[in-house]
Amino acid sequence: MELLYASCVGLLVSCGVFLILRSRTFPIVLGLTMFSYAVNLFLFSSGRLSINNAAVLGTSAEYTDPLPQALVLTAIVIGFAMTAFVVILAIRGRADLGSDHVDGQPEKDKKVNV
């Protein structure tokens, strides 16, 4: 189970980094979102992966650490708000600049200085 979990985190990080390095704003937003999902999974795994254990002390002999669950829940809410903000910012940049390229110029309009 740990190998599958680590593989999923690694896949999300690699896809996120690939999308962050793109030249348009929407793939960058998707890359940041995938990277934040990978960080959330990593935080969740820091509480030790366990099955059928209670998250509250006193209900059973074995319990799961509730702190990583609370951190991930908070990170999901903050990540959703930041993603919404960045999407609105990208839409505004597209409307103002007329292009969704990160540097403001499409590839075909760039001049090569030799």
PDB file of N, CA and C in Angstrom:
ATOM      1  N   MET A   1       0.814  -1.187   0.000  1.00  0.00           N
ATOM      2  CA  MET A   1       0.000   0.000   0.000  1.00  0.00           C
ATOM      3  C   MET A   1       0.863   1.259   0.000  1.00  0.00           C
ATOM      4  N   GLU A   2       1.987   1.187   0.713  1.00  0.00           N
ATOM      5  CA  GLU A   2       2.865   2.347   0.766  1.00  0.00           C
ATOM      6  C   GLU A   2       3.490   2.636  -0.592  1.00  0.00           C
ATOM      7  N   LEU A   3       3.810   1.567  -1.333  1.00  0.00           N
ATOM      8  CA  LEU A   3       4.394   1.760  -2.660  1.00  0.00           C
ATOM      9  C   LEU A   3       3.397   2.429  -3.597  1.00  0.00           C
ATOM     10  N   LEU A   4       2.155   2.007  -3.565  1.00  0.00           N
ATOM     11  CA  LEU A   4       1.120   2.623  -4.386  1.00  0.00           C
ATOM     12  C   LEU A   4       0.914   4.089  -3.994  1.00  0.00           C
ATOM     13  N   TYR A   5       0.910   4.350  -2.706  1.00  0.00           N
ATOM     14  CA  TYR A   5       0.721   5.712  -2.204  1.00  0.00           C
ATOM     15  C   TYR A   5       1.883   6.613  -2.629  1.00  0.00           C
ATOM     16  N   ALA A   6       3.116   6.115  -2.471  1.00  0.00           N
ATOM     17  CA  ALA A   6       4.290   6.888  -2.869  1.00  0.00           C
ATOM     18  C   ALA A   6       4.326   7.098  -4.384  1.00  0.00           C
ATOM     19  N   SER A   7       3.893   6.106  -5.141  1.00  0.00           N
ATOM     20  CA  SER A   7       3.845   6.241  -6.599  1.00  0.00           C
ATOM     21  C   SER A   7       2.843   7.314  -7.019  1.00  0.00           C
ATOM     22  N   CYS A   8       1.704   7.357  -6.352  1.00  0.00           N
ATOM     23  CA  CYS A   8       0.702   8.379  -6.661  1.00  0.00           C
ATOM     24  C   CYS A   8       1.227   9.775  -6.353  1.00  0.00           C
ATOM     25  N   VAL A   9       1.906   9.919  -5.215  1.00  0.00           N
ATOM     26  CA  VAL A   9       2.479  11.223  -4.862  1.00  0.00           C
ATOM     27  C   VAL A   9       3.537  11.615  -5.882  1.00  0.00           C
ATOM     28  N   GLY A  10       4.402  10.680  -6.261  1.00  0.00           N
ATOM     29  CA  GLY A  10       5.439  10.961  -7.254  1.00  0.00           C
ATOM     30  C   GLY A  10       4.869  11.317  -8.611  1.00  0.00           C
ATOM     31  N   LEU A  11       3.825  10.623  -9.027  1.00  0.00           N
ATOM     32  CA  LEU A  11       3.181  10.919 -10.303  1.00  0.00           C
ATOM     33  C   LEU A  11       2.544  12.306 -10.294  1.00  0.00           C
ATOM     34  N   LEU A  12       1.873  12.656  -9.192  1.00  0.00           N
ATOM     35  CA  LEU A  12       1.272  13.988  -9.093  1.00  0.00           C
ATOM     36  C   LEU A  12       2.330  15.082  -9.096  1.00  0.00           C
ATOM     37  N   VAL A  13       3.443  14.861  -8.412  1.00  0.00           N
ATOM     38  CA  VAL A  13       4.517  15.864  -8.394  1.00  0.00           C
ATOM     39  C   VAL A  13       5.118  16.024  -9.786  1.00  0.00           C
ATOM     40  N   SER A  14       5.394  14.928 -10.465  1.00  0.00           N
ATOM     41  CA  SER A  14       6.008  15.029 -11.792  1.00  0.00           C
ATOM     42  C   SER A  14       5.067  15.675 -12.798  1.00  0.00           C
ATOM     43  N   CYS A  15       3.785  15.329 -12.766  1.00  0.00           N
ATOM     44  CA  CYS A  15       2.825  15.973 -13.672  1.00  0.00           C
ATOM     45  C   CYS A  15       2.659  17.451 -13.325  1.00  0.00           C
ATOM     46  N   GLY A  16       2.655  17.772 -12.034  1.00  0.00           N
ATOM     47  CA  GLY A  16       2.533  19.158 -11.610  1.00  0.00           C
ATOM     48  C   GLY A  16       3.716  19.998 -12.058  1.00  0.00           C
ATOM     49  N   VAL A  17       4.924  19.470 -11.907  1.00  0.00           N
ATOM     50  CA  VAL A  17       6.118  20.208 -12.337  1.00  0.00           C
ATOM     51  C   VAL A  17       6.116  20.377 -13.849  1.00  0.00           C
ATOM     52  N   PHE A  18       5.732  19.335 -14.578  1.00  0.00           N
ATOM     53  CA  PHE A  18       5.661  19.445 -16.039  1.00  0.00           C
ATOM     54  C   PHE A  18       4.687  20.545 -16.463  1.00  0.00           C
ATOM     55  N   LEU A  19       3.529  20.606 -15.819  1.00  0.00           N
ATOM     56  CA  LEU A  19       2.543  21.613 -16.198  1.00  0.00           C
ATOM     57  C   LEU A  19       2.943  23.012 -15.742  1.00  0.00           C
ATOM     58  N   ILE A  20       3.653  23.126 -14.632  1.00  0.00           N
ATOM     59  CA  ILE A  20       4.103  24.437 -14.173  1.00  0.00           C
ATOM     60  C   ILE A  20       5.101  25.050 -15.156  1.00  0.00           C
ATOM     61  N   LEU A  21       5.862  24.220 -15.854  1.00  0.00           N
ATOM     62  CA  LEU A  21       6.872  24.716 -16.781  1.00  0.00           C
ATOM     63  C   LEU A  21       6.313  25.076 -18.160  1.00  0.00           C
ATOM     64  N   ARG A  22       5.005  25.031 -18.341  1.00  0.00           N
ATOM     65  CA  ARG A  22       4.392  25.390 -19.614  1.00  0.00           C
ATOM     66  C   ARG A  22       4.368  26.911 -19.775  1.00  0.00           C
ATOM     67  N   SER A  23       4.056  27.404 -20.972  1.00  0.00           N
ATOM     68  CA  SER A  23       4.101  28.847 -21.222  1.00  0.00           C
ATOM     69  C   SER A  23       2.731  29.522 -21.182  1.00  0.00           C
ATOM     70  N   ARG A  24       1.686  28.775 -20.928  1.00  0.00           N
ATOM     71  CA  ARG A  24       0.349  29.359 -20.828  1.00  0.00           C
ATOM     72  C   ARG A  24      -0.140  29.301 -19.393  1.00  0.00           C
ATOM     73  N   THR A  25      -1.105  30.160 -19.080  1.00  0.00           N
ATOM     74  CA  THR A  25      -1.517  30.294 -17.683  1.00  0.00           C
ATOM     75  C   THR A  25      -2.381  29.133 -17.197  1.00  0.00           C
ATOM     76  N   PHE A  26      -3.271  28.600 -18.021  1.00  0.00           N
ATOM     77  CA  PHE A  26      -4.158  27.542 -17.544  1.00  0.00           C
ATOM     78  C   PHE A  26      -3.409  26.263 -17.178  1.00  0.00           C
ATOM     79  N   PRO A  27      -2.437  25.790 -17.992  1.00  0.00           N
ATOM     80  CA  PRO A  27      -1.661  24.626 -17.534  1.00  0.00           C
ATOM     81  C   PRO A  27      -0.870  24.902 -16.255  1.00  0.00           C
ATOM     82  N   ILE A  28      -0.444  26.132 -16.044  1.00  0.00           N
ATOM     83  CA  ILE A  28       0.261  26.468 -14.811  1.00  0.00           C
ATOM     84  C   ILE A  28      -0.675  26.346 -13.617  1.00  0.00           C
ATOM     85  N   VAL A  29      -1.910  26.800 -13.773  1.00  0.00           N
ATOM     86  CA  VAL A  29      -2.895  26.668 -12.694  1.00  0.00           C
ATOM     87  C   VAL A  29      -3.164  25.196 -12.399  1.00  0.00           C
ATOM     88  N   LEU A  30      -3.307  24.382 -13.440  1.00  0.00           N
ATOM     89  CA  LEU A  30      -3.516  22.942 -13.235  1.00  0.00           C
ATOM     90  C   LEU A  30      -2.305  22.295 -12.575  1.00  0.00           C
ATOM     91  N   GLY A  31      -1.109  22.711 -12.969  1.00  0.00           N
ATOM     92  CA  GLY A  31       0.106  22.177 -12.365  1.00  0.00           C
ATOM     93  C   GLY A  31       0.216  22.526 -10.888  1.00  0.00           C
ATOM     94  N   LEU A  32      -0.109  23.754 -10.530  1.00  0.00           N
ATOM     95  CA  LEU A  32      -0.098  24.145  -9.122  1.00  0.00           C
ATOM     96  C   LEU A  32      -1.128  23.362  -8.324  1.00  0.00           C
ATOM     97  N   THR A  33      -2.281  23.113  -8.927  1.00  0.00           N
ATOM     98  CA  THR A  33      -3.315  22.335  -8.251  1.00  0.00           C
ATOM     99  C   THR A  33      -2.869  20.896  -8.036  1.00  0.00           C
ATOM    100  N   MET A  34      -2.264  20.281  -9.046  1.00  0.00           N
ATOM    101  CA  MET A  34      -1.783  18.911  -8.899  1.00  0.00           C
ATOM    102  C   MET A  34      -0.663  18.834  -7.864  1.00  0.00           C
ATOM    103  N   PHE A  35       0.196  19.845  -7.849  1.00  0.00           N
ATOM    104  CA  PHE A  35       1.276  19.877  -6.876  1.00  0.00           C
ATOM    105  C   PHE A  35       0.717  20.016  -5.455  1.00  0.00           C
ATOM    106  N   SER A  36      -0.335  20.819  -5.296  1.00  0.00           N
ATOM    107  CA  SER A  36      -0.934  20.961  -3.965  1.00  0.00           C
ATOM    108  C   SER A  36      -1.627  19.661  -3.539  1.00  0.00           C
ATOM    109  N   TYR A  37      -2.218  18.920  -4.483  1.00  0.00           N
ATOM    110  CA  TYR A  37      -2.786  17.616  -4.149  1.00  0.00           C
ATOM    111  C   TYR A  37      -1.693  16.654  -3.670  1.00  0.00           C
ATOM    112  N   ALA A  38      -0.535  16.705  -4.323  1.00  0.00           N
ATOM    113  CA  ALA A  38       0.577  15.841  -3.911  1.00  0.00           C
ATOM    114  C   ALA A  38       1.055  16.198  -2.510  1.00  0.00           C
ATOM    115  N   VAL A  39       1.128  17.485  -2.213  1.00  0.00           N
ATOM    116  CA  VAL A  39       1.536  17.905  -0.866  1.00  0.00           C
ATOM    117  C   VAL A  39       0.501  17.464   0.160  1.00  0.00           C
ATOM    118  N   ASN A  40      -0.781  17.550  -0.186  1.00  0.00           N
ATOM    119  CA  ASN A  40      -1.832  17.094   0.736  1.00  0.00           C
ATOM    120  C   ASN A  40      -1.705  15.595   1.010  1.00  0.00           C
ATOM    121  N   LEU A  41      -1.452  14.808  -0.017  1.00  0.00           N
ATOM    122  CA  LEU A  41      -1.272  13.366   0.185  1.00  0.00           C
ATOM    123  C   LEU A  41      -0.044  13.080   1.037  1.00  0.00           C
ATOM    124  N   PHE A  42       1.021  13.849   0.819  1.00  0.00           N
ATOM    125  CA  PHE A  42       2.229  13.665   1.617  1.00  0.00           C
ATOM    126  C   PHE A  42       1.977  14.017   3.078  1.00  0.00           C
ATOM    127  N   LEU A  43       1.259  15.115   3.327  1.00  0.00           N
ATOM    128  CA  LEU A  43       0.917  15.477   4.702  1.00  0.00           C
ATOM    129  C   LEU A  43       0.046  14.404   5.361  1.00  0.00           C
ATOM    130  N   PHE A  44      -0.886  13.874   4.590  1.00  0.00           N
ATOM    131  CA  PHE A  44      -1.770  12.848   5.129  1.00  0.00           C
ATOM    132  C   PHE A  44      -0.997  11.585   5.478  1.00  0.00           C
ATOM    133  N   SER A  45       0.007  11.258   4.677  1.00  0.00           N
ATOM    134  CA  SER A  45       0.791  10.051   4.955  1.00  0.00           C
ATOM    135  C   SER A  45       1.724  10.236   6.141  1.00  0.00           C
ATOM    136  N   SER A  46       1.980  11.468   6.549  1.00  0.00           N
ATOM    137  CA  SER A  46       2.865  11.686   7.691  1.00  0.00           C
ATOM    138  C   SER A  46       2.237  11.212   8.994  1.00  0.00           C
ATOM    139  N   GLY A  47       0.926  10.981   9.009  1.00  0.00           N
ATOM    140  CA  GLY A  47       0.249  10.466  10.192  1.00  0.00           C
ATOM    141  C   GLY A  47       0.217   8.960  10.240  1.00  0.00           C
ATOM    142  N   ARG A  48       1.054   8.302   9.470  1.00  0.00           N
ATOM    143  CA  ARG A  48       1.114   6.841   9.366  1.00  0.00           C
ATOM    144  C   ARG A  48      -0.170   6.283   8.775  1.00  0.00           C
ATOM    145  N   LEU A  49      -0.015   5.556   7.702  1.00  0.00           N
ATOM    146  CA  LEU A  49      -1.163   4.961   7.038  1.00  0.00           C
ATOM    147  C   LEU A  49      -1.661   3.776   7.858  1.00  0.00           C
ATOM    148  N   SER A  50      -2.914   3.820   8.246  1.00  0.00           N
ATOM    149  CA  SER A  50      -3.497   2.720   8.997  1.00  0.00           C
ATOM    150  C   SER A  50      -4.949   2.547   8.579  1.00  0.00           C
ATOM    151  N   ILE A  51      -5.448   1.334   8.742  1.00  0.00           N
ATOM    152  CA  ILE A  51      -6.806   1.016   8.315  1.00  0.00           C
ATOM    153  C   ILE A  51      -7.622   0.633   9.543  1.00  0.00           C
ATOM    154  N   ASN A  52      -8.871   1.101   9.589  1.00  0.00           N
ATOM    155  CA  ASN A  52      -9.836   0.774  10.644  1.00  0.00           C
ATOM    156  C   ASN A  52      -9.383   1.169  12.048  1.00  0.00           C
ATOM    157  N   ASN A  53      -8.706   2.303  12.155  1.00  0.00           N
ATOM    158  CA  ASN A  53      -8.339   2.835  13.458  1.00  0.00           C
ATOM    159  C   ASN A  53      -9.128   4.105  13.723  1.00  0.00           C
ATOM    160  N   ALA A  54      -9.465   4.341  14.963  1.00  0.00           N
ATOM    161  CA  ALA A  54     -10.222   5.529  15.329  1.00  0.00           C
ATOM    162  C   ALA A  54      -9.330   6.766  15.271  1.00  0.00           C
ATOM    163  N   ALA A  55      -9.930   7.905  14.951  1.00  0.00           N
ATOM    164  CA  ALA A  55      -9.181   9.148  14.895  1.00  0.00           C
ATOM    165  C   ALA A  55      -9.236   9.909  16.210  1.00  0.00           C
ATOM    166  N   VAL A  56     -10.001   9.432  17.175  1.00  0.00           N
ATOM    167  CA  VAL A  56     -10.163  10.102  18.462  1.00  0.00           C
ATOM    168  C   VAL A  56      -9.637   9.177  19.548  1.00  0.00           C
ATOM    169  N   LEU A  57      -8.932   9.754  20.499  1.00  0.00           N
ATOM    170  CA  LEU A  57      -8.390   8.961  21.602  1.00  0.00           C
ATOM    171  C   LEU A  57      -9.503   8.445  22.500  1.00  0.00           C
ATOM    172  N   GLY A  58      -9.333   7.286  23.052  1.00  0.00           N
ATOM    173  CA  GLY A  58     -10.259   6.747  24.031  1.00  0.00           C
ATOM    174  C   GLY A  58     -11.315   5.817  23.479  1.00  0.00           C
ATOM    175  N   THR A  59     -11.512   5.762  22.152  1.00  0.00           N
ATOM    176  CA  THR A  59     -12.548   4.886  21.615  1.00  0.00           C
ATOM    177  C   THR A  59     -12.017   3.495  21.313  1.00  0.00           C
ATOM    178  N   SER A  60     -10.705   3.351  21.160  1.00  0.00           N
ATOM    179  CA  SER A  60     -10.120   2.034  20.929  1.00  0.00           C
ATOM    180  C   SER A  60      -8.682   2.046  21.437  1.00  0.00           C
ATOM    181  N   ALA A  61      -8.076   0.868  21.432  1.00  0.00           N
ATOM    182  CA  ALA A  61      -6.702   0.769  21.923  1.00  0.00           C
ATOM    183  C   ALA A  61      -5.716   1.400  20.952  1.00  0.00           C
ATOM    184  N   GLU A  62      -5.986   1.279  19.655  1.00  0.00           N
ATOM    185  CA  GLU A  62      -5.122   1.877  18.634  1.00  0.00           C
ATOM    186  C   GLU A  62      -5.853   3.048  18.013  1.00  0.00           C
ATOM    187  N   TYR A  63      -5.107   4.099  17.716  1.00  0.00           N
ATOM    188  CA  TYR A  63      -5.742   5.278  17.145  1.00  0.00           C
ATOM    189  C   TYR A  63      -4.855   5.870  16.054  1.00  0.00           C
ATOM    190  N   THR A  64      -5.444   6.706  15.245  1.00  0.00           N
ATOM    191  CA  THR A  64      -4.751   7.414  14.178  1.00  0.00           C
ATOM    192  C   THR A  64      -4.519   8.847  14.626  1.00  0.00           C
ATOM    193  N   ASP A  65      -3.389   9.400  14.245  1.00  0.00           N
ATOM    194  CA  ASP A  65      -3.067  10.772  14.616  1.00  0.00           C
ATOM    195  C   ASP A  65      -4.005  11.736  13.881  1.00  0.00           C
ATOM    196  N   PRO A  66      -4.786  12.547  14.582  1.00  0.00           N
ATOM    197  CA  PRO A  66      -5.740  13.437  13.916  1.00  0.00           C
ATOM    198  C   PRO A  66      -5.118  14.711  13.360  1.00  0.00           C
ATOM    199  N   LEU A  67      -3.884  15.048  13.751  1.00  0.00           N
ATOM    200  CA  LEU A  67      -3.275  16.295  13.301  1.00  0.00           C
ATOM    201  C   LEU A  67      -3.068  16.346  11.788  1.00  0.00           C
ATOM    202  N   PRO A  68      -2.505  15.311  11.128  1.00  0.00           N
ATOM    203  CA  PRO A  68      -2.375  15.381   9.668  1.00  0.00           C
ATOM    204  C   PRO A  68      -3.722  15.496   8.955  1.00  0.00           C
ATOM    205  N   GLN A  69      -4.763  14.875   9.505  1.00  0.00           N
ATOM    206  CA  GLN A  69      -6.083  14.994   8.895  1.00  0.00           C
ATOM    207  C   GLN A  69      -6.586  16.430   8.972  1.00  0.00           C
ATOM    208  N   ALA A  70      -6.372  17.088  10.093  1.00  0.00           N
ATOM    209  CA  ALA A  70      -6.778  18.475  10.239  1.00  0.00           C
ATOM    210  C   ALA A  70      -5.958  19.386   9.329  1.00  0.00           C
ATOM    211  N   LEU A  71      -4.662  19.106   9.208  1.00  0.00           N
ATOM    212  CA  LEU A  71      -3.814  19.908   8.315  1.00  0.00           C
ATOM    213  C   LEU A  71      -4.248  19.765   6.863  1.00  0.00           C
ATOM    214  N   VAL A  72      -4.564  18.556   6.449  1.00  0.00           N
ATOM    215  CA  VAL A  72      -4.977  18.324   5.062  1.00  0.00           C
ATOM    216  C   VAL A  72      -6.321  18.994   4.794  1.00  0.00           C
ATOM    217  N   LEU A  73      -7.232  18.913   5.721  1.00  0.00           N
ATOM    218  CA  LEU A  73      -8.531  19.564   5.543  1.00  0.00           C
ATOM    219  C   LEU A  73      -8.365  21.073   5.405  1.00  0.00           C
ATOM    220  N   THR A  74      -7.524  21.662   6.227  1.00  0.00           N
ATOM    221  CA  THR A  74      -7.256  23.090   6.127  1.00  0.00           C
ATOM    222  C   THR A  74      -6.571  23.424   4.807  1.00  0.00           C
ATOM    223  N   ALA A  75      -5.628  22.592   4.388  1.00  0.00           N
ATOM    224  CA  ALA A  75      -4.919  22.833   3.130  1.00  0.00           C
ATOM    225  C   ALA A  75      -5.843  22.708   1.928  1.00  0.00           C
ATOM    226  N   ILE A  76      -6.813  21.815   1.985  1.00  0.00           N
ATOM    227  CA  ILE A  76      -7.774  21.686   0.884  1.00  0.00           C
ATOM    228  C   ILE A  76      -8.593  22.951   0.742  1.00  0.00           C
ATOM    229  N   VAL A  77      -9.059  23.493   1.862  1.00  0.00           N
ATOM    230  CA  VAL A  77      -9.872  24.712   1.818  1.00  0.00           C
ATOM    231  C   VAL A  77      -9.053  25.898   1.310  1.00  0.00           C
ATOM    232  N   ILE A  78      -7.849  26.055   1.823  1.00  0.00           N
ATOM    233  CA  ILE A  78      -6.998  27.161   1.379  1.00  0.00           C
ATOM    234  C   ILE A  78      -6.596  26.977  -0.074  1.00  0.00           C
ATOM    235  N   GLY A  79      -6.290  25.736  -0.480  1.00  0.00           N
ATOM    236  CA  GLY A  79      -5.926  25.474  -1.874  1.00  0.00           C
ATOM    237  C   GLY A  79      -7.061  25.759  -2.842  1.00  0.00           C
ATOM    238  N   PHE A  80      -8.289  25.439  -2.452  1.00  0.00           N
ATOM    239  CA  PHE A  80      -9.433  25.735  -3.308  1.00  0.00           C
ATOM    240  C   PHE A  80      -9.620  27.241  -3.465  1.00  0.00           C
ATOM    241  N   ALA A  81      -9.474  27.980  -2.387  1.00  0.00           N
ATOM    242  CA  ALA A  81      -9.615  29.433  -2.454  1.00  0.00           C
ATOM    243  C   ALA A  81      -8.510  30.056  -3.308  1.00  0.00           C
ATOM    244  N   MET A  82      -7.292  29.576  -3.147  1.00  0.00           N
ATOM    245  CA  MET A  82      -6.187  30.125  -3.942  1.00  0.00           C
ATOM    246  C   MET A  82      -6.321  29.750  -5.411  1.00  0.00           C
ATOM    247  N   THR A  83      -6.809  28.555  -5.712  1.00  0.00           N
ATOM    248  CA  THR A  83      -7.027  28.165  -7.102  1.00  0.00           C
ATOM    249  C   THR A  83      -8.084  29.047  -7.744  1.00  0.00           C
ATOM    250  N   ALA A  84      -9.166  29.326  -7.024  1.00  0.00           N
ATOM    251  CA  ALA A  84     -10.196  30.218  -7.551  1.00  0.00           C
ATOM    252  C   ALA A  84      -9.629  31.612  -7.797  1.00  0.00           C
ATOM    253  N   PHE A  85      -8.802  32.105  -6.892  1.00  0.00           N
ATOM    254  CA  PHE A  85      -8.188  33.422  -7.067  1.00  0.00           C
ATOM    255  C   PHE A  85      -7.264  33.450  -8.276  1.00  0.00           C
ATOM    256  N   VAL A  86      -6.440  32.417  -8.445  1.00  0.00           N
ATOM    257  CA  VAL A  86      -5.499  32.382  -9.565  1.00  0.00           C
ATOM    258  C   VAL A  86      -6.239  32.241 -10.893  1.00  0.00           C
ATOM    259  N   VAL A  87      -7.333  31.493 -10.919  1.00  0.00           N
ATOM    260  CA  VAL A  87      -8.125  31.378 -12.152  1.00  0.00           C
ATOM    261  C   VAL A  87      -8.710  32.729 -12.534  1.00  0.00           C
ATOM    262  N   ILE A  88      -9.262  33.448 -11.566  1.00  0.00           N
ATOM    263  CA  ILE A  88      -9.792  34.789 -11.847  1.00  0.00           C
ATOM    264  C   ILE A  88      -8.680  35.725 -12.297  1.00  0.00           C
ATOM    265  N   LEU A  89      -7.508  35.623 -11.682  1.00  0.00           N
ATOM    266  CA  LEU A  89      -6.363  36.439 -12.079  1.00  0.00           C
ATOM    267  C   LEU A  89      -5.930  36.111 -13.507  1.00  0.00           C
ATOM    268  N   ALA A  90      -5.943  34.831 -13.879  1.00  0.00           N
ATOM    269  CA  ALA A  90      -5.579  34.433 -15.239  1.00  0.00           C
ATOM    270  C   ALA A  90      -6.605  34.927 -16.249  1.00  0.00           C
ATOM    271  N   ILE A  91      -7.876  34.866 -15.905  1.00  0.00           N
ATOM    272  CA  ILE A  91      -8.915  35.374 -16.804  1.00  0.00           C
ATOM    273  C   ILE A  91      -8.756  36.880 -16.997  1.00  0.00           C
ATOM    274  N   ARG A  92      -8.470  37.587 -15.914  1.00  0.00           N
ATOM    275  CA  ARG A  92      -8.262  39.034 -16.007  1.00  0.00           C
ATOM    276  C   ARG A  92      -7.030  39.366 -16.846  1.00  0.00           C
ATOM    277  N   GLY A  93      -5.955  38.605 -16.672  1.00  0.00           N
ATOM    278  CA  GLY A  93      -4.761  38.818 -17.480  1.00  0.00           C
ATOM    279  C   GLY A  93      -5.010  38.541 -18.949  1.00  0.00           C
ATOM    280  N   ARG A  94      -5.803  37.523 -19.238  1.00  0.00           N
ATOM    281  CA  ARG A  94      -6.159  37.223 -20.640  1.00  0.00           C
ATOM    282  C   ARG A  94      -6.984  38.347 -21.241  1.00  0.00           C
ATOM    283  N   ALA A  95      -7.904  38.901 -20.450  1.00  0.00           N
ATOM    284  CA  ALA A  95      -8.741  39.989 -20.955  1.00  0.00           C
ATOM    285  C   ALA A  95      -7.933  41.268 -21.160  1.00  0.00           C
ATOM    286  N   ASP A  96      -7.008  41.563 -20.259  1.00  0.00           N
ATOM    287  CA  ASP A  96      -6.228  42.798 -20.371  1.00  0.00           C
ATOM    288  C   ASP A  96      -5.145  42.716 -21.438  1.00  0.00           C
ATOM    289  N   LEU A  97      -4.452  41.581 -21.517  1.00  0.00           N
ATOM    290  CA  LEU A  97      -3.321  41.455 -22.428  1.00  0.00           C
ATOM    291  C   LEU A  97      -3.703  40.893 -23.788  1.00  0.00           C
ATOM    292  N   GLY A  98      -4.831  40.207 -23.870  1.00  0.00           N
ATOM    293  CA  GLY A  98      -5.236  39.590 -25.124  1.00  0.00           C
ATOM    294  C   GLY A  98      -4.520  38.281 -25.408  1.00  0.00           C
ATOM    295  N   SER A  99      -3.750  37.794 -24.456  1.00  0.00           N
ATOM    296  CA  SER A  99      -3.014  36.549 -24.613  1.00  0.00           C
ATOM    297  C   SER A  99      -2.936  35.864 -23.255  1.00  0.00           C
ATOM    298  N   ASP A 100      -2.834  34.544 -23.289  1.00  0.00           N
ATOM    299  CA  ASP A 100      -2.700  33.828 -22.023  1.00  0.00           C
ATOM    300  C   ASP A 100      -1.290  33.278 -21.821  1.00  0.00           C
ATOM    301  N   HIS A 101      -0.332  33.810 -22.557  1.00  0.00           N
ATOM    302  CA  HIS A 101       1.058  33.406 -22.359  1.00  0.00           C
ATOM    303  C   HIS A 101       1.602  34.070 -21.108  1.00  0.00           C
ATOM    304  N   VAL A 102       2.500  33.387 -20.447  1.00  0.00           N
ATOM    305  CA  VAL A 102       3.029  33.877 -19.182  1.00  0.00           C
ATOM    306  C   VAL A 102       3.808  35.165 -19.366  1.00  0.00           C
ATOM    307  N   ASP A 103       4.599  35.263 -20.422  1.00  0.00           N
ATOM    308  CA  ASP A 103       5.382  36.472 -20.643  1.00  0.00           C
ATOM    309  C   ASP A 103       4.624  37.530 -21.434  1.00  0.00           C
ATOM    310  N   GLY A 104       3.388  37.258 -21.820  1.00  0.00           N
ATOM    311  CA  GLY A 104       2.566  38.242 -22.513  1.00  0.00           C
ATOM    312  C   GLY A 104       2.694  38.240 -24.018  1.00  0.00           C
ATOM    313  N   GLN A 105       3.610  37.440 -24.568  1.00  0.00           N
ATOM    314  CA  GLN A 105       3.805  37.392 -26.013  1.00  0.00           C
ATOM    315  C   GLN A 105       3.656  35.963 -26.503  1.00  0.00           C
ATOM    316  N   PRO A 106       2.906  35.769 -27.588  1.00  0.00           N
ATOM    317  CA  PRO A 106       2.859  34.423 -28.172  1.00  0.00           C
ATOM    318  C   PRO A 106       4.211  34.028 -28.752  1.00  0.00           C
ATOM    319  N   GLU A 107       4.425  32.753 -28.942  1.00  0.00           N
ATOM    320  CA  GLU A 107       5.703  32.246 -29.442  1.00  0.00           C
ATOM    321  C   GLU A 107       6.047  32.793 -30.830  1.00  0.00           C
ATOM    322  N   LYS A 108       5.063  32.951 -31.711  1.00  0.00           N
ATOM    323  CA  LYS A 108       5.366  33.365 -33.073  1.00  0.00           C
ATOM    324  C   LYS A 108       5.717  34.848 -33.171  1.00  0.00           C
ATOM    325  N   ASP A 109       5.346  35.665 -32.173  1.00  0.00           N
ATOM    326  CA  ASP A 109       5.642  37.089 -32.207  1.00  0.00           C
ATOM    327  C   ASP A 109       6.958  37.448 -31.533  1.00  0.00           C
ATOM    328  N   LYS A 110       7.612  36.501 -30.914  1.00  0.00           N
ATOM    329  CA  LYS A 110       8.882  36.779 -30.253  1.00  0.00           C
ATOM    330  C   LYS A 110       9.965  36.985 -31.299  1.00  0.00           C
ATOM    331  N   LYS A 111      10.827  37.958 -31.043  1.00  0.00           N
ATOM    332  CA  LYS A 111      11.948  38.207 -31.939  1.00  0.00           C
ATOM    333  C   LYS A 111      13.194  37.582 -31.342  1.00  0.00           C
ATOM    334  N   VAL A 112      13.964  36.955 -32.181  1.00  0.00           N
ATOM    335  CA  VAL A 112      15.175  36.311 -31.724  1.00  0.00           C
ATOM    336  C   VAL A 112      16.336  37.284 -31.900  1.00  0.00           C
ATOM    337  N   ASN A 113      17.019  37.591 -30.820  1.00  0.00           N
ATOM    338  CA  ASN A 113      18.197  38.469 -30.881  1.00  0.00           C
ATOM    339  C   ASN A 113      19.438  37.638 -31.074  1.00  0.00           C
ATOM    340  N   VAL A 114      20.113  37.880 -32.190  1.00  0.00           N
ATOM    341  CA  VAL A 114      21.318  37.104 -32.497  1.00  0.00           C
ATOM    342  C   VAL A 114      22.529  37.965 -32.351  1.00  0.00           C
TER     343      VAL A 114
END
